Amino acid sequence: MNYDETLHWMFGRLPMFQRQGAAAYKNNLDNILLLSEHLGNPHKHFKSIHIAGTNGKGSTSHMIASVLQEAGYSTGLYTSPHLKDFRERIRVNGVMAEESFVIQFIEKHKQFLEANELSFFELTVGMAFQYFAERQVDIAVVEVGLGGRLDATNIITPLLSVITNIGLDHTAFLGTTLSQIAGEKAGIIKNGIPVVIGERQDDTTAVFKSKVLQNEAPIYYTDESHYPELESELKGSYQQKNKQTVQKAIEVLNNTTDFKISQVALETGIKRVVTNTGLLGRWQVLQEFGPKIICDTGHNAEGLMYVTAQLKEEQFNQLHIVLGVVSDKELSTVLTLFPKHAHYYFSKPEGPRGLDESILQEKAAHFDLQGNKYENISEAFKAAKLTSKPDDLIFIGGSTFVVAEVI
């Protein structure tokens, strides 16, 4: 198979949470442990940092990886989901894994993968860990896919764990309260391994305290320290909390391991995160003027709260919002955040989980969000560009899948 045929097999034969939702979710680590043993346990051949959280874990992972690269370390980076190319998930020093590696990995292990019915995510984690081991990285930054305790990445024993924050997302799998979700994400806390908590929250503090006592793990809260505001290619004001968490994580890494990262590497890494790691879709300006066009992958209540607050800081005559969501999203908590004065272009993102544009338009009307519906994101975006004037602003978001279709 060539690369496109390989991807077609991966997407078609294996359950994939981003496309299928609950059908692809596994509630144990049996499969990833089986695959890891089949591969020779590659996760035991590199050092790592493990990052979980409801929001900000992707940006935080990319910034930490960028800082480590600036410090001169060969750095693996595993994140999900991808936006344009599957290989965005697996990088070393910001460079995506080669197409040939993906092809050869599938060719070599295809029979095993089929026989054991591994999920798309389990396969991808195994592939990433194999790649990092073969490339002999100094360290890998590994982002949790969903939750923590039962996530396929949770077979690693990292040098440091990071939990950015806790919000109400994926409640069907992780629980319906902040404390329940915190319990799942606290599952990445390992015996004796330090953990950094990005945000101190009343409903989660006791959960984390209990877990670290149980595991005799040092715990550090970002708000224990005051760090300078650092410049970054990531422009969303909501990134300030992530940058603070990154500074705390690097401080702890410096103090508890043999890794040594200078202040220059820290500042340069945060500043050059997009250049160094290829991060896409975080308050990304697609066009500066005529009109200004911005997209963002924020998709849950907490993430969209920051995004909509950021929109209020922008200067424009009329706001146009191209909006699409997935069908398992709790719309009442999301739609209430969006501005009523905007003109909306409702559409359905690609994939079976995309919510029908007619349903979205109908639900949005209950929150006084008015606009037209379109069969696909491309048509909605085209209509927004045709309707807008040079001093307007177009925002595209609501789902990672929506952003993936416009960048």
Protein backbone atom coordinates (compact mmCIF):
# COMPACT_ATOMS: atom_id res chain seq x y z
CA MET A 1 0.00 0.00 0.00
CA ASN A 2 1.08 3.59 -0.59
CA TYR A 3 0.59 6.30 2.05
CA ASP A 4 -2.97 7.23 1.05
CA GLU A 5 -4.00 3.57 0.89
CA THR A 6 -2.43 2.98 4.29
CA LEU A 7 -4.39 5.86 5.82
CA HIS A 8 -7.58 4.62 4.16
CA TRP A 9 -7.05 1.22 5.79
CA MET A 10 -6.31 2.81 9.19
CA PHE A 11 -9.35 5.09 9.12
CA GLY A 12 -11.65 2.46 7.66
CA ARG A 13 -10.74 -0.69 9.57
CA LEU A 14 -10.10 0.65 13.04
CA PRO A 15 -12.61 2.35 15.38
CA MET A 16 -11.62 6.02 15.68
CA PHE A 17 -13.01 8.14 18.52
CA GLN A 18 -12.78 11.44 16.62
CA ARG A 19 -15.08 10.04 13.93
CA GLN A 20 -17.18 7.47 15.77
CA GLY A 21 -17.27 8.57 19.40
CA ALA A 22 -18.30 5.99 22.00
CA ALA A 23 -17.89 3.03 19.65
CA ALA A 24 -14.13 3.56 19.63
CA TYR A 25 -13.65 4.13 23.36
CA LYS A 26 -11.86 1.39 25.31
CA ASN A 27 -12.26 1.26 29.09
CA ASN A 28 -9.06 -0.64 29.85
CA LEU A 29 -5.38 -0.75 28.89
CA ASP A 30 -5.33 -4.40 27.82
CA ASN A 31 -4.97 -3.74 24.10
CA ILE A 32 -2.20 -1.14 24.32
CA LEU A 33 -0.26 -3.38 26.71
CA LEU A 34 -0.66 -6.26 24.26
CA LEU A 35 0.53 -4.10 21.36
CA SER A 36 3.40 -2.70 23.38
CA GLU A 37 4.59 -6.19 24.27
CA HIS A 38 4.30 -7.17 20.60
CA LEU A 39 6.52 -4.18 19.70
CA GLY A 40 9.10 -4.91 22.41
CA ASN A 41 7.84 -2.29 24.89
CA PRO A 42 9.26 0.77 23.10
CA HIS A 43 7.87 3.11 25.79
CA LYS A 44 10.55 1.82 28.14
CA HIS A 45 13.32 3.12 25.88
CA PHE A 46 12.81 6.89 26.15
CA LYS A 47 12.14 9.45 28.89
CA SER A 48 8.88 11.34 28.83
CA ILE A 49 6.59 14.06 30.14
CA HIS A 50 2.87 13.19 30.35
CA ILE A 51 0.25 15.93 29.89
CA ALA A 52 -3.49 15.73 30.60
CA GLY A 53 -6.28 18.26 31.09
CA THR A 54 -9.62 19.34 29.68
CA ASN A 55 -8.26 22.42 27.90
CA GLY A 56 -4.80 23.64 27.04
CA LYS A 57 -3.04 20.27 27.06
CA GLY A 58 -2.23 20.47 23.34
CA SER A 59 -0.81 23.98 23.47
CA THR A 60 1.06 23.15 26.69
CA SER A 61 2.52 20.00 25.12
CA HIS A 62 3.72 21.92 22.08
CA MET A 63 5.26 24.70 24.18
CA ILE A 64 7.13 22.29 26.44
CA ALA A 65 8.41 20.39 23.40
CA SER A 66 9.53 23.67 21.80
CA VAL A 67 11.39 24.67 24.97
CA LEU A 68 13.16 21.30 25.12
CA GLN A 69 14.14 21.64 21.46
CA GLU A 70 15.59 25.10 22.14
CA ALA A 71 17.57 23.59 25.02
CA GLY A 72 19.21 21.23 22.53
CA TYR A 73 17.37 18.01 23.35
CA SER A 74 16.08 15.63 20.70
CA THR A 75 12.38 15.85 21.48
CA GLY A 76 9.50 13.60 20.50
CA LEU A 77 5.98 15.02 20.53
CA TYR A 78 2.79 12.95 20.49
CA THR A 79 -0.53 14.84 20.25
CA SER A 80 -4.06 14.30 18.97
CA PRO A 81 -6.15 14.78 16.99
CA HIS A 82 -4.52 15.85 13.74
CA LEU A 83 -5.98 18.58 11.55
CA LYS A 84 -4.66 17.99 8.03
CA ASP A 85 -2.13 15.16 8.04
CA PHE A 86 -2.16 12.08 10.29
CA ARG A 87 1.59 12.51 10.86
CA GLU A 88 1.00 15.73 12.81
CA ARG A 89 0.43 13.38 15.75
CA ILE A 90 4.01 12.04 15.72
CA ARG A 91 6.93 14.49 15.53
CA VAL A 92 10.59 14.64 16.46
CA ASN A 93 12.03 18.14 16.78
CA GLY A 94 8.91 19.46 15.11
CA VAL A 95 9.28 17.29 12.01
CA MET A 96 6.49 14.84 11.26
CA ALA A 97 7.23 11.11 11.02
CA GLU A 98 8.01 10.02 7.46
CA GLU A 99 5.24 8.60 5.30
CA SER A 100 7.48 5.57 4.74
CA PHE A 101 7.56 4.87 8.49
CA VAL A 102 3.75 4.86 8.69
CA ILE A 103 3.49 2.56 5.66
CA GLN A 104 6.13 0.14 6.94
CA PHE A 105 4.68 0.04 10.46
CA ILE A 106 1.23 -0.92 9.15
CA GLU A 107 2.62 -3.44 6.67
CA LYS A 108 4.65 -5.14 9.38
CA HIS A 109 1.94 -5.25 12.05
CA LYS A 110 -1.28 -5.26 10.03
CA GLN A 111 -2.14 -8.88 10.78
CA PHE A 112 -1.62 -8.36 14.53
CA LEU A 113 -3.67 -5.15 14.54
CA GLU A 114 -6.57 -6.82 12.75
CA ALA A 115 -6.49 -9.97 14.85
CA ASN A 116 -6.59 -8.03 18.12
CA GLU A 117 -9.07 -5.35 17.00
CA LEU A 118 -7.02 -2.42 18.23
CA SER A 119 -8.59 1.03 18.14
CA PHE A 120 -7.19 3.76 15.93
CA PHE A 121 -5.84 5.57 19.00
CA GLU A 122 -4.17 2.47 20.45
CA LEU A 123 -2.49 1.82 17.12
CA THR A 124 -1.30 5.41 16.89
CA VAL A 125 0.14 5.42 20.41
CA GLY A 126 2.07 2.22 19.67
CA MET A 127 3.32 3.68 16.40
CA ALA A 128 4.46 6.89 18.09
CA PHE A 129 6.28 5.10 20.89
CA GLN A 130 7.99 2.84 18.36
CA TYR A 131 9.09 5.89 16.37
CA PHE A 132 10.48 7.70 19.42
CA ALA A 133 12.40 4.59 20.50
CA GLU A 134 13.88 4.08 17.01
CA ARG A 135 14.85 7.75 16.77
CA GLN A 136 16.44 7.51 20.24
CA VAL A 137 14.93 10.79 21.43
CA ASP A 138 16.26 12.35 24.60
CA ILE A 139 12.71 12.89 25.79
CA ALA A 140 9.15 12.72 24.47
CA VAL A 141 6.23 14.97 25.37
CA VAL A 142 3.11 12.80 25.37
CA GLU A 143 -0.38 14.31 25.35
CA VAL A 144 -3.24 12.27 26.78
CA GLY A 145 -6.02 11.57 24.29
CA LEU A 146 -9.03 11.30 26.60
CA GLY A 147 -9.12 11.35 30.39
CA GLY A 148 -5.94 9.81 31.75
CA ARG A 149 -6.41 6.72 33.88
CA LEU A 150 -7.58 4.51 31.00
CA ASP A 151 -5.93 6.41 28.16
CA ALA A 152 -3.63 4.34 25.96
CA THR A 153 -0.73 6.72 26.65
CA ASN A 154 -0.90 5.86 30.36
CA ILE A 155 1.52 2.96 30.10
CA ILE A 156 4.49 5.35 30.36
CA THR A 157 6.27 6.23 33.59
CA PRO A 158 7.25 9.85 32.95
CA LEU A 159 9.75 12.15 34.62
CA LEU A 160 6.93 14.63 35.15
CA SER A 161 3.15 14.68 34.88
CA VAL A 162 1.17 17.84 34.07
CA ILE A 163 -2.59 18.37 34.44
CA THR A 164 -3.59 21.71 32.92
CA ASN A 165 -7.16 22.06 34.24
CA ILE A 166 -10.46 20.25 34.72
CA GLY A 167 -13.69 21.03 32.87
CA LEU A 168 -16.93 19.30 31.93
CA ASP A 169 -16.14 17.52 28.67
CA HIS A 170 -16.57 13.90 27.53
CA THR A 171 -18.85 13.41 30.53
CA ALA A 172 -20.26 10.17 29.10
CA PHE A 173 -16.86 8.56 29.68
CA LEU A 174 -15.18 10.55 32.45
CA GLY A 175 -18.02 11.46 34.82
CA THR A 176 -20.51 14.27 35.22
CA THR A 177 -18.79 16.28 37.97
CA LEU A 178 -15.46 18.08 38.09
CA SER A 179 -14.27 15.83 40.92
CA GLN A 180 -15.11 12.67 38.95
CA ILE A 181 -13.31 13.96 35.87
CA ALA A 182 -10.35 15.03 38.03
CA GLY A 183 -10.18 11.47 39.36
CA GLU A 184 -9.83 10.14 35.81
CA LYS A 185 -7.18 12.67 34.85
CA ALA A 186 -5.34 12.11 38.13
CA GLY A 187 -4.82 8.57 36.89
CA ILE A 188 -1.64 9.75 35.16
CA ILE A 189 -0.07 10.52 38.56
CA LYS A 190 2.54 7.84 39.21
CA ASN A 191 4.34 6.66 42.34
CA GLY A 192 7.01 9.19 43.32
CA ILE A 193 6.69 11.18 40.07
CA PRO A 194 6.15 14.95 40.48
CA VAL A 195 2.95 16.46 39.06
CA VAL A 196 2.22 20.06 38.09
CA ILE A 197 -1.38 21.27 38.33
CA GLY A 198 -2.06 24.20 36.01
CA GLU A 199 -5.18 25.58 37.71
CA ARG A 200 -6.25 25.27 41.33
CA GLN A 201 -10.00 24.55 41.43
CA ASP A 202 -12.17 24.08 44.53
CA ASP A 203 -13.83 20.92 43.21
CA THR A 204 -10.59 19.16 42.26
CA THR A 205 -7.98 20.04 44.90
CA ALA A 206 -9.03 17.29 47.31
CA VAL A 207 -8.95 14.70 44.51
CA PHE A 208 -5.39 15.58 43.55
CA LYS A 209 -4.26 15.75 47.19
CA SER A 210 -5.62 12.27 47.85
CA LYS A 211 -3.97 10.85 44.73
CA VAL A 212 -0.51 12.30 45.43
CA LEU A 213 -0.63 11.11 49.04
CA GLN A 214 -1.54 7.65 47.83
CA ASN A 215 1.36 7.69 45.35
CA GLU A 216 3.85 9.67 47.48
CA ALA A 217 4.18 12.06 44.54
CA PRO A 218 5.30 15.70 44.94
CA ILE A 219 2.62 18.15 43.77
CA TYR A 220 3.19 21.67 42.47
CA TYR A 221 0.54 24.27 41.64
CA THR A 222 1.27 26.87 39.00
CA ASP A 223 -0.24 29.64 41.14
CA GLU A 224 2.39 29.04 43.85
CA SER A 225 4.78 31.13 41.76
CA HIS A 226 4.66 34.40 39.85
CA TYR A 227 6.11 34.18 36.37
CA PRO A 228 6.68 36.92 33.79
CA GLU A 229 4.39 37.38 30.82
CA LEU A 230 6.29 35.87 27.90
CA GLU A 231 5.83 36.63 24.23
CA SER A 232 4.60 33.79 22.03
CA GLU A 233 3.50 33.04 18.50
CA LEU A 234 0.33 31.71 20.15
CA LYS A 235 -1.75 34.88 20.31
CA GLY A 236 -4.89 33.90 22.20
CA SER A 237 -5.06 35.71 25.56
CA TYR A 238 -6.23 32.39 27.04
CA GLN A 239 -2.70 31.10 26.41
CA GLN A 240 -1.45 33.10 29.40
CA LYS A 241 -2.48 30.30 31.78
CA ASN A 242 -0.81 27.71 29.58
CA LYS A 243 2.41 29.72 29.47
CA GLN A 244 2.40 29.95 33.27
CA THR A 245 1.94 26.18 33.50
CA VAL A 246 4.82 25.61 31.07
CA GLN A 247 7.12 27.80 33.17
CA LYS A 248 6.21 25.86 36.32
CA ALA A 249 6.74 22.53 34.52
CA ILE A 250 10.19 23.55 33.26
CA GLU A 251 11.13 24.79 36.73
CA VAL A 252 10.15 21.44 38.27
CA LEU A 253 11.94 19.53 35.49
CA ASN A 254 15.11 21.55 36.16
CA ASN A 255 14.90 20.91 39.91
CA THR A 256 14.01 17.22 39.89
CA THR A 257 15.84 15.72 36.88
CA ASP A 258 19.15 15.89 35.01
CA PHE A 259 17.55 18.01 32.27
CA LYS A 260 18.77 21.58 32.35
CA ILE A 261 16.85 24.28 30.51
CA SER A 262 18.08 27.86 30.53
CA GLN A 263 15.86 30.92 30.81
CA VAL A 264 16.84 31.80 27.24
CA ALA A 265 15.69 28.38 25.99
CA LEU A 266 12.46 28.74 27.98
CA GLU A 267 11.64 32.16 26.58
CA THR A 268 12.68 31.32 23.02
CA GLY A 269 10.79 28.02 23.09
CA ILE A 270 7.55 29.66 24.16
CA LYS A 271 8.03 32.45 21.65
CA ARG A 272 8.77 30.15 18.69
CA VAL A 273 6.33 27.34 19.48
CA VAL A 274 4.51 27.44 16.13
CA THR A 275 7.76 27.65 14.16
CA ASN A 276 9.37 24.85 16.18
CA THR A 277 6.48 22.40 16.42
CA GLY A 278 4.01 23.22 13.65
CA LEU A 279 1.08 23.80 16.01
CA LEU A 280 -2.09 24.79 14.14
CA GLY A 281 -5.59 26.02 14.94
CA ARG A 282 -5.05 27.95 18.19
CA TRP A 283 -6.39 31.47 17.62
CA GLN A 284 -4.81 31.18 14.20
CA VAL A 285 -5.08 34.28 12.03
CA LEU A 286 -5.72 33.09 8.48
CA GLN A 287 -6.03 36.60 7.05
CA GLU A 288 -5.09 39.90 8.72
CA PHE A 289 -7.52 42.22 6.95
CA GLY A 290 -10.09 42.62 4.20
CA PRO A 291 -11.74 41.01 6.34
CA LYS A 292 -9.71 39.60 9.22
CA ILE A 293 -10.22 35.81 9.49
CA ILE A 294 -9.48 33.80 12.64
CA CYS A 295 -10.03 30.14 13.53
CA ASP A 296 -9.76 28.25 16.81
CA THR A 297 -10.25 24.61 17.78
CA GLY A 298 -11.91 25.38 21.14
CA HIS A 299 -14.94 23.09 21.36
CA ASN A 300 -16.15 22.72 24.96
CA ALA A 301 -17.71 25.23 27.35
CA GLU A 302 -14.48 26.14 29.13
CA GLY A 303 -12.47 26.46 25.92
CA LEU A 304 -15.17 28.46 24.12
CA MET A 305 -15.57 30.78 27.11
CA TYR A 306 -11.98 31.93 26.54
CA VAL A 307 -12.45 32.10 22.78
CA THR A 308 -15.59 34.23 22.95
CA ALA A 309 -13.93 36.52 25.50
CA GLN A 310 -11.04 36.93 23.06
CA LEU A 311 -13.50 37.85 20.29
CA LYS A 312 -14.71 40.77 22.42
CA GLU A 313 -11.19 42.20 22.34
CA GLU A 314 -11.16 42.35 18.54
CA GLN A 315 -12.09 45.49 16.59
CA PHE A 316 -14.60 44.99 13.76
CA ASN A 317 -17.70 46.42 12.14
CA GLN A 318 -19.68 43.13 11.84
CA LEU A 319 -18.84 39.70 13.23
CA HIS A 320 -19.46 36.62 11.06
CA ILE A 321 -19.22 33.17 12.68
CA VAL A 322 -18.89 29.94 10.70
CA LEU A 323 -20.06 27.35 13.23
CA GLY A 324 -20.19 23.58 13.30
CA VAL A 325 -20.24 21.07 16.15
CA VAL A 326 -20.25 17.32 16.79
CA SER A 327 -23.48 15.57 17.68
CA ASP A 328 -22.45 14.42 21.17
CA LYS A 329 -21.81 17.96 22.40
CA GLU A 330 -23.98 19.44 25.15
CA LEU A 331 -25.23 22.38 23.09
CA SER A 332 -26.96 24.31 25.88
CA THR A 333 -23.65 24.95 27.66
CA VAL A 334 -21.89 25.92 24.44
CA LEU A 335 -24.38 28.03 22.47
CA THR A 336 -25.13 30.31 25.41
CA LEU A 337 -21.53 31.59 25.18
CA PHE A 338 -21.74 32.92 21.62
CA PRO A 339 -22.52 36.58 20.87
CA LYS A 340 -26.04 37.38 19.69
CA HIS A 341 -24.96 40.29 17.47
CA ALA A 342 -23.00 38.06 15.07
CA HIS A 343 -24.29 36.70 11.78
CA TYR A 344 -24.02 32.89 11.77
CA TYR A 345 -23.25 30.39 9.03
CA PHE A 346 -24.33 27.02 10.40
CA SER A 347 -22.87 23.90 8.85
CA LYS A 348 -22.02 20.26 9.45
CA PRO A 349 -18.36 19.25 9.81
CA GLU A 350 -17.19 16.19 7.89
CA GLY A 351 -17.48 12.78 9.53
CA PRO A 352 -20.29 10.74 11.05
CA ARG A 353 -20.21 12.66 14.36
CA GLY A 354 -20.95 16.01 12.73
CA LEU A 355 -24.27 17.54 13.83
CA ASP A 356 -26.70 18.28 10.99
CA GLU A 357 -26.73 21.97 10.12
CA SER A 358 -30.54 22.18 10.34
CA ILE A 359 -30.51 20.88 13.90
CA LEU A 360 -27.71 23.28 14.85
CA GLN A 361 -29.60 26.22 13.32
CA GLU A 362 -32.76 25.25 15.18
CA LYS A 363 -30.96 24.83 18.54
CA ALA A 364 -29.05 28.08 18.06
CA ALA A 365 -32.28 30.00 17.48
CA HIS A 366 -33.28 29.22 21.09
CA PHE A 367 -30.27 31.33 22.12
CA ASP A 368 -31.08 34.15 19.65
CA LEU A 369 -28.23 33.15 17.35
CA GLN A 370 -29.45 33.86 13.82
CA GLY A 371 -28.07 32.90 10.44
CA ASN A 372 -28.27 30.65 7.40
CA LYS A 373 -27.41 26.97 7.06
CA TYR A 374 -25.03 25.37 4.57
CA GLU A 375 -24.38 21.77 3.53
CA ASN A 376 -20.69 21.87 4.29
CA ILE A 377 -18.06 24.05 5.96
CA SER A 378 -16.54 25.09 2.65
CA GLU A 379 -19.84 26.55 1.43
CA ALA A 380 -20.43 28.28 4.76
CA PHE A 381 -16.95 29.82 4.73
CA LYS A 382 -17.38 30.93 1.12
CA ALA A 383 -20.69 32.59 1.98
CA ALA A 384 -19.14 34.40 4.95
CA LYS A 385 -16.35 35.76 2.76
CA LEU A 386 -18.83 36.93 0.09
CA THR A 387 -21.08 38.62 2.65
CA SER A 388 -18.41 40.31 4.75
CA LYS A 389 -16.90 43.75 4.25
CA PRO A 390 -13.18 44.64 4.61
CA ASP A 391 -13.60 45.95 8.17
CA ASP A 392 -15.54 42.87 9.37
CA LEU A 393 -14.25 39.81 11.22
CA ILE A 394 -14.88 36.18 10.30
CA PHE A 395 -14.43 33.56 13.02
CA ILE A 396 -14.47 29.82 12.24
CA GLY A 397 -14.85 27.29 15.05
CA GLY A 398 -16.99 25.10 17.29
CA SER A 399 -15.09 21.91 16.52
CA THR A 400 -11.62 20.68 15.61
CA PHE A 401 -13.16 19.25 12.44
CA VAL A 402 -14.46 22.66 11.36
CA VAL A 403 -10.99 24.20 11.67
CA ALA A 404 -9.42 21.26 9.84
CA GLU A 405 -11.54 22.09 6.79
CA VAL A 406 -10.39 25.71 6.47
CA ILE A 407 -6.68 25.79 7.28
